[in-house]
Amino acid sequence: MGDFDYHLILPVLSLAAFGLLAMLLASTFRGNSRAAIFPAVAGILFSGFSLVRLWDRWLMDGPMTTAFEAVRVDGFGMFVAFLVLLTGLLTVLTSISFIEREGIDHGEFYALLMFCLAGMLIMLMTTHMMIILIGLEIFSLALYVLTGLTRGRVRSIEAALKYFLLGAFSSGFIVYGMALLYGATGSLDLGRIGHAASAQPTAMLWAGLGLVLVGLAFKIAIVPFHQWVPDVYTGAPTNVTGFMAAATKTVAFAVLLRLLIGSFGDVDGLWQPLIKWLAIFTMTVGNLVALAQTNLKRLLAFSSISHAGYLLIAVVCRPEMGVSAILFYLIGYSVVTVGAFAVLAAVGRGDADGERGYTLHEWAGLGWKRPLLGVAMTLFLLSLAGIPPTGGFLGKYVIFQAAIASEQYLLAVVGVLNAAIAAYYYLNVMVSMYFRQPADDEMPLPVAPGSAAVMVIAVVGLLYLGLAPGPILELIQTLAGSLL
């Protein structure tokens, strides 16, 4: 271990160190969460700077490993890590005024968010399943606490309890699957597992893969492992819900790609049919149930499920096209999702049920009462619906194009039909904002500078991805090669 390269884990160490500093400041300055904002922002920026330095090394030397190859840093993992850090930074900006207004002014919020990010980066900077599990548990435990942070609200406690129980079950599936994979191959390294699968696949190996996929399906919210999503998204603080919807799905899909395409890509004919039908059911169930929702947090919860289905389409496409499509889609989805929940956080208000200001009835006329909020939310909804000139349109186009090029015609047709269904309930929200009489004359509170900055960044991002995506597309095509 004398040649251990600490530079490779510096992005994670910086998040953990600044997270501990935020925790110390939170305990010192009780009731003043702003004391922990600086270490949170500084930790994310320092982690990002460390990734930039590693990116330069990767461009010159290729993938880097240390700790007997338990730590692996490559372009694919670093790109997703950048996206996760951006999501975390936007969440911090949204939370500055939100947690004070909602009565959850605890500095520990920022420390827990930092630990979430640290766990996620651990999962992205390894190809060893034991390290992936450690990262998963670190970010999951912190996220359970963040979900139940509004201790005075029954819905928040219920959401945290449900998330904890089902999260524990999903981790149990992953651990059992890891045990079977180790028994079948003698290793927990994804590369060695992949070689064993190509050389001599056994029933034990496939059983282990199946159990790990079940655990990941819970995290991604793939049908039929999605039941926790509506209640958890509704009960959690709105800023936490936005982070959960964007970052958790991004990291889980990155691990799924490493597992299925990076390790089991040579035997894809055995797992592709299952993923194909899961994609169809996930898209369809998510969109059909979303049609009946009047609570916007629940609507976006089922919308999140349907987006997991679109992403699964690309998993069964040709790897060189599918990986690029997933990365591009995740960029637009993450930025827009955090932006949409920033609008929800600005409009909604907490009460005993945590639902005041989150229903379509209460959003009637919002576009006229708060024009800038209305325009921002309209653009976010258009992007989620896949309507040009937004990044969401190009994201869906790239995925459907990959499906057609890979001769997955059924998936392409079902995906287009589901996009049409989704457009209806997204447009219904816009109709409420602009064409329905407001229920009362109450004006939403002024938007905090941090939340306004998040909305502006998200709007600029979705328009850039829709109008000038060339540089991003070229970059992710190169990154897809680092996974393959």
Protein backbone atom coordinates (compact mmCIF):
# COMPACT_ATOMS: atom_id res chain seq x y z
CA MET A 1 0.00 0.00 0.00
CA GLY A 2 3.08 2.26 -0.12
CA ASP A 3 2.18 3.43 -3.61
CA PHE A 4 -1.40 4.29 -2.71
CA ASP A 5 -2.41 7.31 -4.80
CA TYR A 6 -4.41 9.60 -2.52
CA HIS A 7 -5.06 12.00 -5.37
CA LEU A 8 -7.55 9.52 -6.82
CA ILE A 9 -9.79 9.71 -3.76
CA LEU A 10 -9.30 13.43 -3.09
CA PRO A 11 -12.76 14.32 -4.51
CA VAL A 12 -14.36 12.01 -1.94
CA LEU A 13 -12.06 13.04 0.92
CA SER A 14 -12.79 16.73 0.34
CA LEU A 15 -16.54 16.14 0.52
CA ALA A 16 -16.19 14.11 3.71
CA ALA A 17 -13.83 16.63 5.34
CA PHE A 18 -15.98 19.66 4.55
CA GLY A 19 -19.04 17.67 5.58
CA LEU A 20 -17.47 17.12 9.01
CA LEU A 21 -16.66 20.82 9.18
CA ALA A 22 -20.28 21.65 8.35
CA MET A 23 -21.38 19.28 11.12
CA LEU A 24 -19.04 20.97 13.59
CA LEU A 25 -20.30 24.44 12.69
CA ALA A 26 -23.90 23.24 12.87
CA SER A 27 -23.39 21.97 16.41
CA THR A 28 -21.59 25.18 17.40
CA PHE A 29 -24.13 27.61 15.94
CA ARG A 30 -27.43 25.95 16.80
CA GLY A 31 -30.45 27.26 14.91
CA ASN A 32 -28.30 29.02 12.31
CA SER A 33 -27.92 26.79 9.27
CA ARG A 34 -26.17 29.51 7.28
CA ALA A 35 -22.98 28.82 9.22
CA ALA A 36 -22.72 25.49 7.38
CA ILE A 37 -23.34 26.89 3.90
CA PHE A 38 -19.75 27.94 3.27
CA PRO A 39 -18.17 24.52 3.95
CA ALA A 40 -20.88 22.88 1.83
CA VAL A 41 -20.23 25.08 -1.19
CA ALA A 42 -16.46 24.99 -0.65
CA GLY A 43 -16.46 21.20 -0.38
CA ILE A 44 -18.37 20.76 -3.63
CA LEU A 45 -16.15 23.24 -5.48
CA PHE A 46 -12.95 21.69 -4.10
CA SER A 47 -14.17 18.23 -5.07
CA GLY A 48 -14.95 19.49 -8.56
CA PHE A 49 -11.49 21.08 -8.83
CA SER A 50 -9.92 17.76 -7.80
CA LEU A 51 -11.89 16.02 -10.54
CA VAL A 52 -10.62 18.55 -13.09
CA ARG A 53 -7.02 17.68 -12.12
CA LEU A 54 -7.80 13.98 -12.43
CA TRP A 55 -9.49 14.63 -15.78
CA ASP A 56 -6.23 16.06 -17.14
CA ARG A 57 -4.36 12.96 -15.94
CA TRP A 58 -6.95 10.69 -17.52
CA LEU A 59 -6.62 12.45 -20.89
CA MET A 60 -2.86 11.77 -20.82
CA ASP A 61 -2.64 8.37 -19.11
CA GLY A 62 -6.06 6.75 -19.46
CA PRO A 63 -7.91 5.03 -16.57
CA MET A 64 -6.11 5.21 -13.22
CA THR A 65 -6.29 2.66 -10.41
CA THR A 66 -4.97 2.26 -6.87
CA ALA A 67 -5.60 0.13 -3.75
CA PHE A 68 -5.16 -3.11 -5.71
CA GLU A 69 -7.50 -1.75 -8.42
CA ALA A 70 -10.36 -1.32 -5.94
CA VAL A 71 -10.36 2.37 -6.88
CA ARG A 72 -10.68 3.11 -10.59
CA VAL A 73 -10.96 6.59 -12.05
CA ASP A 74 -11.99 6.91 -15.70
CA GLY A 75 -13.72 9.43 -17.92
CA PHE A 76 -17.15 7.84 -17.59
CA GLY A 77 -17.13 7.90 -13.80
CA MET A 78 -15.71 11.43 -13.58
CA PHE A 79 -18.28 12.83 -16.00
CA VAL A 80 -21.15 11.40 -13.96
CA ALA A 81 -19.43 12.67 -10.80
CA PHE A 82 -19.36 16.20 -12.26
CA LEU A 83 -23.09 15.92 -12.96
CA VAL A 84 -23.79 14.72 -9.40
CA LEU A 85 -21.75 17.58 -7.92
CA LEU A 86 -23.66 20.09 -10.07
CA THR A 87 -26.92 18.63 -8.79
CA GLY A 88 -25.65 18.93 -5.22
CA LEU A 89 -24.56 22.55 -5.70
CA LEU A 90 -27.94 23.51 -7.17
CA THR A 91 -29.64 21.78 -4.23
CA VAL A 92 -27.57 23.82 -1.77
CA LEU A 93 -28.60 27.05 -3.49
CA THR A 94 -32.27 26.01 -3.41
CA SER A 95 -32.06 25.05 0.25
CA ILE A 96 -30.60 28.26 1.70
CA SER A 97 -33.93 30.00 2.18
CA PHE A 98 -36.18 26.95 1.89
CA ILE A 99 -35.07 25.17 5.06
CA GLU A 100 -35.33 28.40 7.06
CA ARG A 101 -38.84 29.09 5.80
CA GLU A 102 -39.99 25.52 6.43
CA GLY A 103 -38.75 25.41 10.02
CA ILE A 104 -36.00 22.85 9.39
CA ASP A 105 -33.17 25.32 9.93
CA HIS A 106 -30.62 22.67 10.87
CA GLY A 107 -27.02 23.07 9.77
CA GLU A 108 -26.77 19.28 9.76
CA PHE A 109 -28.74 19.41 6.50
CA TYR A 110 -25.67 20.53 4.58
CA ALA A 111 -23.41 18.00 6.30
CA LEU A 112 -25.78 15.17 5.41
CA LEU A 113 -25.96 16.40 1.82
CA MET A 114 -22.15 16.33 1.64
CA PHE A 115 -22.08 12.77 2.94
CA CYS A 116 -24.67 11.85 0.29
CA LEU A 117 -22.42 13.24 -2.41
CA ALA A 118 -19.37 11.49 -0.96
CA GLY A 119 -21.15 8.13 -1.04
CA MET A 120 -22.27 8.70 -4.62
CA LEU A 121 -18.74 9.54 -5.76
CA ILE A 122 -17.44 6.38 -4.07
CA MET A 123 -19.86 4.36 -6.20
CA LEU A 124 -18.66 6.11 -9.36
CA MET A 125 -14.92 5.71 -8.71
CA THR A 126 -14.69 1.94 -8.41
CA THR A 127 -15.43 -1.29 -10.25
CA HIS A 128 -15.40 -3.40 -7.09
CA MET A 129 -18.84 -4.39 -5.84
CA MET A 130 -17.93 -4.20 -2.16
CA ILE A 131 -16.82 -0.57 -2.58
CA ILE A 132 -20.00 0.14 -4.55
CA LEU A 133 -22.03 -1.26 -1.64
CA ILE A 134 -20.15 0.90 0.88
CA GLY A 135 -20.85 4.02 -1.17
CA LEU A 136 -24.48 3.01 -1.56
CA GLU A 137 -24.97 2.66 2.18
CA ILE A 138 -23.22 5.95 2.96
CA PHE A 139 -25.43 8.00 0.67
CA SER A 140 -28.57 6.02 1.51
CA LEU A 141 -28.25 6.49 5.28
CA ALA A 142 -27.75 10.23 4.88
CA LEU A 143 -30.68 10.45 2.48
CA TYR A 144 -32.99 8.59 4.89
CA VAL A 145 -32.32 11.28 7.49
CA LEU A 146 -32.80 14.12 5.00
CA THR A 147 -36.15 12.63 3.98
CA GLY A 148 -37.43 12.75 7.56
CA LEU A 149 -35.88 16.09 8.47
CA THR A 150 -39.27 17.78 8.96
CA ARG A 151 -39.88 15.87 12.18
CA GLY A 152 -43.12 17.65 13.01
CA ARG A 153 -44.92 16.35 9.93
CA VAL A 154 -46.39 12.89 9.84
CA ARG A 155 -45.95 12.54 6.09
CA SER A 156 -42.23 13.26 6.34
CA ILE A 157 -41.68 10.65 9.06
CA GLU A 158 -43.77 8.15 7.12
CA ALA A 159 -41.74 8.83 3.97
CA ALA A 160 -38.44 8.37 5.81
CA LEU A 161 -39.62 5.11 7.37
CA LYS A 162 -40.83 3.70 4.05
CA TYR A 163 -37.65 4.75 2.31
CA PHE A 164 -35.51 3.22 5.05
CA LEU A 165 -37.35 -0.12 5.09
CA LEU A 166 -37.43 -0.58 1.33
CA GLY A 167 -33.88 0.72 1.03
CA ALA A 168 -32.76 -1.91 3.54
CA PHE A 169 -34.56 -4.61 1.55
CA SER A 170 -32.90 -3.46 -1.67
CA SER A 171 -29.48 -3.51 -0.01
CA GLY A 172 -30.21 -7.02 1.20
CA PHE A 173 -30.88 -8.16 -2.37
CA ILE A 174 -27.61 -6.59 -3.52
CA VAL A 175 -25.59 -8.23 -0.73
CA TYR A 176 -27.12 -11.66 -1.42
CA GLY A 177 -26.46 -11.19 -5.13
CA MET A 178 -22.85 -10.23 -4.41
CA ALA A 179 -22.41 -13.40 -2.35
CA LEU A 180 -23.64 -15.53 -5.25
CA LEU A 181 -21.45 -13.68 -7.74
CA TYR A 182 -18.44 -14.23 -5.51
CA GLY A 183 -19.31 -17.90 -5.15
CA ALA A 184 -19.60 -18.27 -8.92
CA THR A 185 -16.49 -16.31 -9.92
CA GLY A 186 -14.26 -15.99 -6.84
CA SER A 187 -14.17 -12.20 -7.21
CA LEU A 188 -16.22 -9.07 -6.66
CA ASP A 189 -14.37 -7.08 -9.32
CA LEU A 190 -16.72 -6.30 -12.20
CA GLY A 191 -14.01 -6.95 -14.79
CA ARG A 192 -13.25 -10.45 -13.47
CA ILE A 193 -16.96 -11.21 -13.10
CA GLY A 194 -17.44 -10.20 -16.73
CA HIS A 195 -14.65 -12.51 -17.90
CA ALA A 196 -16.20 -15.40 -15.97
CA ALA A 197 -19.62 -14.67 -17.47
CA SER A 198 -18.17 -14.71 -20.98
CA ALA A 199 -16.15 -17.89 -20.44
CA GLN A 200 -18.54 -20.11 -18.50
CA PRO A 201 -21.80 -18.61 -17.22
CA THR A 202 -23.47 -20.65 -14.47
CA ALA A 203 -26.88 -20.64 -12.83
CA MET A 204 -25.36 -19.22 -9.64
CA LEU A 205 -23.82 -16.34 -11.57
CA TRP A 206 -27.11 -15.46 -13.25
CA ALA A 207 -28.96 -15.71 -9.94
CA GLY A 208 -26.46 -13.30 -8.40
CA LEU A 209 -26.84 -10.86 -11.29
CA GLY A 210 -30.62 -11.05 -10.98
CA LEU A 211 -30.57 -10.21 -7.27
CA VAL A 212 -28.22 -7.27 -7.79
CA LEU A 213 -30.51 -5.99 -10.55
CA VAL A 214 -33.49 -6.19 -8.18
CA GLY A 215 -31.64 -4.03 -5.65
CA LEU A 216 -30.70 -1.46 -8.29
CA ALA A 217 -34.27 -1.50 -9.64
CA PHE A 218 -35.47 -0.26 -6.23
CA LYS A 219 -33.03 2.66 -6.37
CA ILE A 220 -33.92 3.54 -9.97
CA ALA A 221 -37.67 3.02 -9.35
CA ILE A 222 -38.25 0.48 -12.12
CA VAL A 223 -41.69 -1.12 -12.24
CA PRO A 224 -42.63 -3.23 -10.25
CA PHE A 225 -40.11 -1.95 -7.66
CA HIS A 226 -41.42 1.61 -7.70
CA GLN A 227 -44.09 1.58 -4.98
CA TRP A 228 -42.07 3.68 -2.54
CA VAL A 229 -41.57 6.61 -4.90
CA PRO A 230 -44.90 8.53 -4.71
CA ASP A 231 -45.14 8.59 -0.91
CA VAL A 232 -41.44 9.32 -0.37
CA TYR A 233 -41.32 12.10 -2.97
CA THR A 234 -44.47 13.66 -1.51
CA GLY A 235 -43.45 13.43 2.15
CA ALA A 236 -39.81 14.49 1.84
CA PRO A 237 -38.86 18.19 1.90
CA THR A 238 -39.21 19.53 -1.64
CA ASN A 239 -35.54 20.41 -2.02
CA VAL A 240 -34.57 16.88 -0.93
CA THR A 241 -37.07 15.38 -3.37
CA GLY A 242 -35.46 17.25 -6.26
CA PHE A 243 -32.00 16.02 -5.27
CA MET A 244 -33.29 12.48 -4.81
CA ALA A 245 -35.05 12.41 -8.18
CA ALA A 246 -31.99 13.65 -10.05
CA ALA A 247 -28.84 12.43 -8.31
CA THR A 248 -29.99 9.01 -7.10
CA LYS A 249 -31.24 8.00 -10.53
CA THR A 250 -28.07 9.28 -12.19
CA VAL A 251 -25.73 7.29 -9.94
CA ALA A 252 -27.85 4.13 -10.05
CA PHE A 253 -27.91 4.18 -13.85
CA ALA A 254 -24.14 4.68 -13.97
CA VAL A 255 -23.67 1.56 -11.83
CA LEU A 256 -26.22 -0.32 -13.95
CA LEU A 257 -24.25 0.54 -17.11
CA ARG A 258 -20.98 -0.64 -15.56
CA LEU A 259 -22.64 -3.89 -14.54
CA LEU A 260 -24.64 -4.78 -17.65
CA ILE A 261 -22.62 -3.24 -20.47
CA GLY A 262 -19.17 -3.06 -18.90
CA SER A 263 -19.22 -6.57 -17.37
CA PHE A 264 -22.02 -8.58 -18.97
CA GLY A 265 -21.95 -6.93 -22.40
CA ASP A 266 -20.64 -10.07 -24.12
CA VAL A 267 -23.70 -12.06 -23.00
CA ASP A 268 -26.28 -9.33 -23.52
CA GLY A 269 -28.64 -11.70 -25.32
CA LEU A 270 -29.48 -13.26 -21.96
CA TRP A 271 -30.45 -10.09 -20.06
CA GLN A 272 -31.66 -7.77 -22.81
CA PRO A 273 -35.16 -9.31 -23.15
CA LEU A 274 -35.82 -8.73 -19.44
CA ILE A 275 -34.65 -5.11 -19.57
CA LYS A 276 -36.70 -4.55 -22.71
CA TRP A 277 -39.98 -5.52 -21.04
CA LEU A 278 -39.09 -3.68 -17.85
CA ALA A 279 -38.62 -0.55 -19.97
CA ILE A 280 -42.05 -0.97 -21.55
CA PHE A 281 -43.84 -1.53 -18.24
CA THR A 282 -41.94 1.25 -16.47
CA MET A 283 -42.73 3.85 -19.12
CA THR A 284 -46.36 2.87 -19.43
CA VAL A 285 -47.23 2.48 -15.75
CA GLY A 286 -45.47 5.71 -14.79
CA ASN A 287 -47.24 7.78 -17.44
CA LEU A 288 -50.70 6.24 -17.06
CA VAL A 289 -50.78 6.71 -13.29
CA ALA A 290 -49.41 10.26 -13.64
CA LEU A 291 -52.50 11.16 -15.69
CA ALA A 292 -54.67 10.88 -12.58
CA GLN A 293 -52.47 12.98 -10.27
CA THR A 294 -53.47 16.42 -9.02
CA ASN A 295 -50.60 16.84 -6.55
CA LEU A 296 -47.56 18.11 -8.44
CA LYS A 297 -45.02 16.28 -6.28
CA ARG A 298 -46.81 12.98 -6.90
CA LEU A 299 -47.14 13.84 -10.59
CA LEU A 300 -43.40 14.41 -10.88
CA ALA A 301 -42.81 11.21 -8.89
CA PHE A 302 -44.62 9.10 -11.46
CA SER A 303 -43.01 11.17 -14.20
CA SER A 304 -39.64 10.19 -12.74
CA ILE A 305 -40.64 6.54 -13.00
CA SER A 306 -41.51 6.96 -16.68
CA HIS A 307 -38.16 8.64 -17.37
CA ALA A 308 -36.44 5.57 -15.94
CA GLY A 309 -38.29 3.60 -18.61
CA TYR A 310 -36.98 5.84 -21.39
CA LEU A 311 -33.44 5.39 -20.08
CA LEU A 312 -33.86 1.60 -20.02
CA ILE A 313 -34.57 1.72 -23.76
CA ALA A 314 -31.00 2.87 -24.34
CA VAL A 315 -29.60 0.10 -22.12
CA VAL A 316 -30.69 -2.54 -24.67
CA CYS A 317 -29.41 -0.58 -27.68
CA ARG A 318 -26.01 -0.95 -29.26
CA PRO A 319 -23.54 -0.04 -26.50
CA GLU A 320 -21.71 2.65 -28.48
CA MET A 321 -25.04 4.44 -29.05
CA GLY A 322 -26.92 3.50 -25.88
CA VAL A 323 -24.32 4.72 -23.39
CA SER A 324 -24.02 8.09 -25.16
CA ALA A 325 -27.81 8.45 -25.25
CA ILE A 326 -28.12 7.73 -21.52
CA LEU A 327 -25.41 10.22 -20.56
CA PHE A 328 -26.94 12.98 -22.67
CA TYR A 329 -30.43 12.26 -21.35
CA LEU A 330 -29.23 12.30 -17.74
CA ILE A 331 -27.66 15.75 -18.15
CA GLY A 332 -30.91 17.34 -19.28
CA TYR A 333 -33.07 15.33 -16.89
CA SER A 334 -30.98 16.16 -13.81
CA VAL A 335 -30.76 19.91 -14.46
CA VAL A 336 -34.43 20.26 -15.38
CA THR A 337 -35.62 18.15 -12.44
CA VAL A 338 -33.72 20.24 -9.89
CA GLY A 339 -35.06 23.38 -11.58
CA ALA A 340 -38.66 22.14 -11.50
CA PHE A 341 -38.46 21.28 -7.81
CA ALA A 342 -36.89 24.69 -7.14
CA VAL A 343 -40.09 26.22 -8.55
CA LEU A 344 -42.19 23.88 -6.40
CA ALA A 345 -40.14 24.87 -3.35
CA ALA A 346 -40.71 28.56 -4.12
CA VAL A 347 -44.49 28.16 -4.51
CA GLY A 348 -45.34 25.48 -1.94
CA ARG A 349 -45.63 25.94 1.79
CA GLY A 350 -45.30 23.43 4.57
CA ASP A 351 -48.19 22.54 6.85
CA ALA A 352 -49.16 19.48 8.86
CA ASP A 353 -49.62 17.48 5.67
CA GLY A 354 -46.82 19.11 3.73
CA GLU A 355 -49.04 19.67 0.69
CA ARG A 356 -50.13 23.31 0.73
CA GLY A 357 -49.36 24.93 -2.61
CA TYR A 358 -48.61 21.70 -4.45
CA THR A 359 -51.96 20.91 -6.10
CA LEU A 360 -53.15 21.87 -9.58
CA HIS A 361 -56.05 23.77 -7.99
CA GLU A 362 -53.63 25.93 -6.02
CA TRP A 363 -51.47 26.52 -9.09
CA ALA A 364 -54.37 28.02 -11.07
CA GLY A 365 -53.37 31.40 -12.47
CA LEU A 366 -49.77 31.16 -11.22
CA GLY A 367 -48.46 32.17 -14.64
CA TRP A 368 -50.16 35.56 -14.26
CA LYS A 369 -49.47 36.08 -10.55
CA ARG A 370 -45.78 35.16 -10.89
CA PRO A 371 -44.85 35.45 -14.61
CA LEU A 372 -41.18 34.53 -14.19
CA LEU A 373 -42.00 31.44 -12.14
CA GLY A 374 -44.61 30.51 -14.73
CA VAL A 375 -42.19 30.87 -17.64
CA ALA A 376 -39.49 28.86 -15.86
CA MET A 377 -41.88 26.04 -14.96
CA THR A 378 -43.31 26.03 -18.49
CA LEU A 379 -39.85 25.52 -19.96
CA PHE A 380 -39.08 22.75 -17.46
CA LEU A 381 -42.33 20.96 -18.28
CA LEU A 382 -41.72 21.33 -22.02
CA SER A 383 -38.29 19.77 -21.57
CA LEU A 384 -39.66 16.88 -19.50
CA ALA A 385 -42.31 16.35 -22.20
CA GLY A 386 -39.65 16.28 -24.91
CA ILE A 387 -40.83 19.29 -26.89
CA PRO A 388 -38.34 21.39 -28.93
CA PRO A 389 -36.22 23.44 -28.62
CA THR A 390 -35.37 22.02 -25.19
CA GLY A 391 -32.73 19.52 -24.16
CA GLY A 392 -35.46 17.06 -23.23
CA PHE A 393 -36.55 16.85 -26.87
CA LEU A 394 -33.06 16.06 -28.07
CA GLY A 395 -32.57 13.57 -25.24
CA LYS A 396 -35.62 11.59 -26.28
CA TYR A 397 -34.66 11.91 -29.95
CA VAL A 398 -31.20 10.45 -29.30
CA ILE A 399 -32.68 7.52 -27.36
CA PHE A 400 -35.34 6.73 -29.98
CA GLN A 401 -32.75 7.08 -32.74
CA ALA A 402 -30.51 4.58 -30.93
CA ALA A 403 -33.46 2.19 -30.57
CA ILE A 404 -34.24 2.33 -34.29
CA ALA A 405 -30.58 1.91 -35.26
CA SER A 406 -30.42 -1.12 -32.93
CA GLU A 407 -33.60 -2.56 -34.52
CA GLN A 408 -35.54 -2.19 -31.28
CA TYR A 409 -38.60 -1.00 -33.15
CA LEU A 410 -41.14 -2.02 -30.50
CA LEU A 411 -39.33 0.03 -27.87
CA ALA A 412 -39.18 3.05 -30.18
CA VAL A 413 -42.92 2.89 -30.93
CA VAL A 414 -43.90 2.39 -27.28
CA GLY A 415 -41.55 5.19 -26.26
CA VAL A 416 -43.09 7.66 -28.71
CA LEU A 417 -46.62 6.73 -27.59
CA ASN A 418 -45.65 7.20 -23.96
CA ALA A 419 -44.08 10.57 -24.74
CA ALA A 420 -47.44 11.62 -26.21
CA ILE A 421 -49.24 10.48 -23.05
CA ALA A 422 -46.76 12.36 -20.88
CA ALA A 423 -47.23 15.54 -22.92
CA TYR A 424 -50.90 15.57 -21.86
CA TYR A 425 -50.31 15.76 -18.12
CA TYR A 426 -47.42 18.20 -18.48
CA LEU A 427 -49.57 20.47 -20.64
CA ASN A 428 -52.37 20.15 -18.09
CA VAL A 429 -50.14 21.86 -15.54
CA MET A 430 -49.51 24.70 -18.00
CA VAL A 431 -53.25 25.02 -18.60
CA SER A 432 -53.77 25.42 -14.86
CA MET A 433 -51.10 28.10 -14.67
CA TYR A 434 -52.43 30.21 -17.53
CA PHE A 435 -56.04 29.34 -18.36
CA ARG A 436 -57.75 28.68 -15.02
CA GLN A 437 -58.97 31.20 -12.50
CA PRO A 438 -56.87 31.36 -9.34
CA ALA A 439 -58.46 29.84 -6.25
CA ASP A 440 -57.51 32.91 -4.17
CA ASP A 441 -55.61 36.17 -4.43
CA GLU A 442 -52.72 35.01 -2.27
CA MET A 443 -49.38 35.80 -3.87
CA PRO A 444 -46.40 33.45 -3.53
CA LEU A 445 -43.55 34.87 -1.49
CA PRO A 446 -40.69 36.53 -3.39
CA VAL A 447 -38.24 34.03 -4.84
CA ALA A 448 -34.99 33.82 -2.89
CA PRO A 449 -31.79 34.69 -4.80
CA GLY A 450 -30.46 31.14 -4.49
CA SER A 451 -33.60 29.57 -5.92
CA ALA A 452 -33.71 32.19 -8.69
CA ALA A 453 -30.12 31.35 -9.61
CA VAL A 454 -31.00 27.65 -9.82
CA MET A 455 -33.93 28.36 -12.13
CA VAL A 456 -31.80 30.56 -14.40
CA ILE A 457 -29.03 27.94 -14.59
CA ALA A 458 -31.57 25.22 -15.37
CA VAL A 459 -33.28 27.29 -18.08
CA VAL A 460 -29.96 28.18 -19.72
CA GLY A 461 -28.89 24.54 -19.52
CA LEU A 462 -32.02 23.10 -21.12
CA LEU A 463 -31.92 25.67 -23.95
CA TYR A 464 -28.20 25.09 -24.54
CA LEU A 465 -28.70 21.33 -24.73
CA GLY A 466 -31.57 21.82 -27.16
CA LEU A 467 -30.01 24.45 -29.42
CA ALA A 468 -26.25 23.81 -29.35
CA PRO A 469 -25.65 20.23 -28.19
CA GLY A 470 -22.72 19.51 -30.51
CA PRO A 471 -19.81 19.82 -28.03
CA ILE A 472 -21.63 17.82 -25.35
CA LEU A 473 -22.54 15.04 -27.80
CA GLU A 474 -18.94 14.79 -29.01
CA LEU A 475 -17.68 14.61 -25.44
CA ILE A 476 -20.05 11.89 -24.28
CA GLN A 477 -19.30 9.76 -27.33
CA THR A 478 -15.67 9.75 -26.20
CA LEU A 479 -16.69 8.98 -22.62
CA ALA A 480 -18.85 6.07 -23.73
CA GLY A 481 -15.71 4.51 -25.15
CA SER A 482 -14.04 4.67 -21.72
CA LEU A 483 -16.80 2.46 -20.32
CA LEU A 484 -16.70 0.01 -23.21
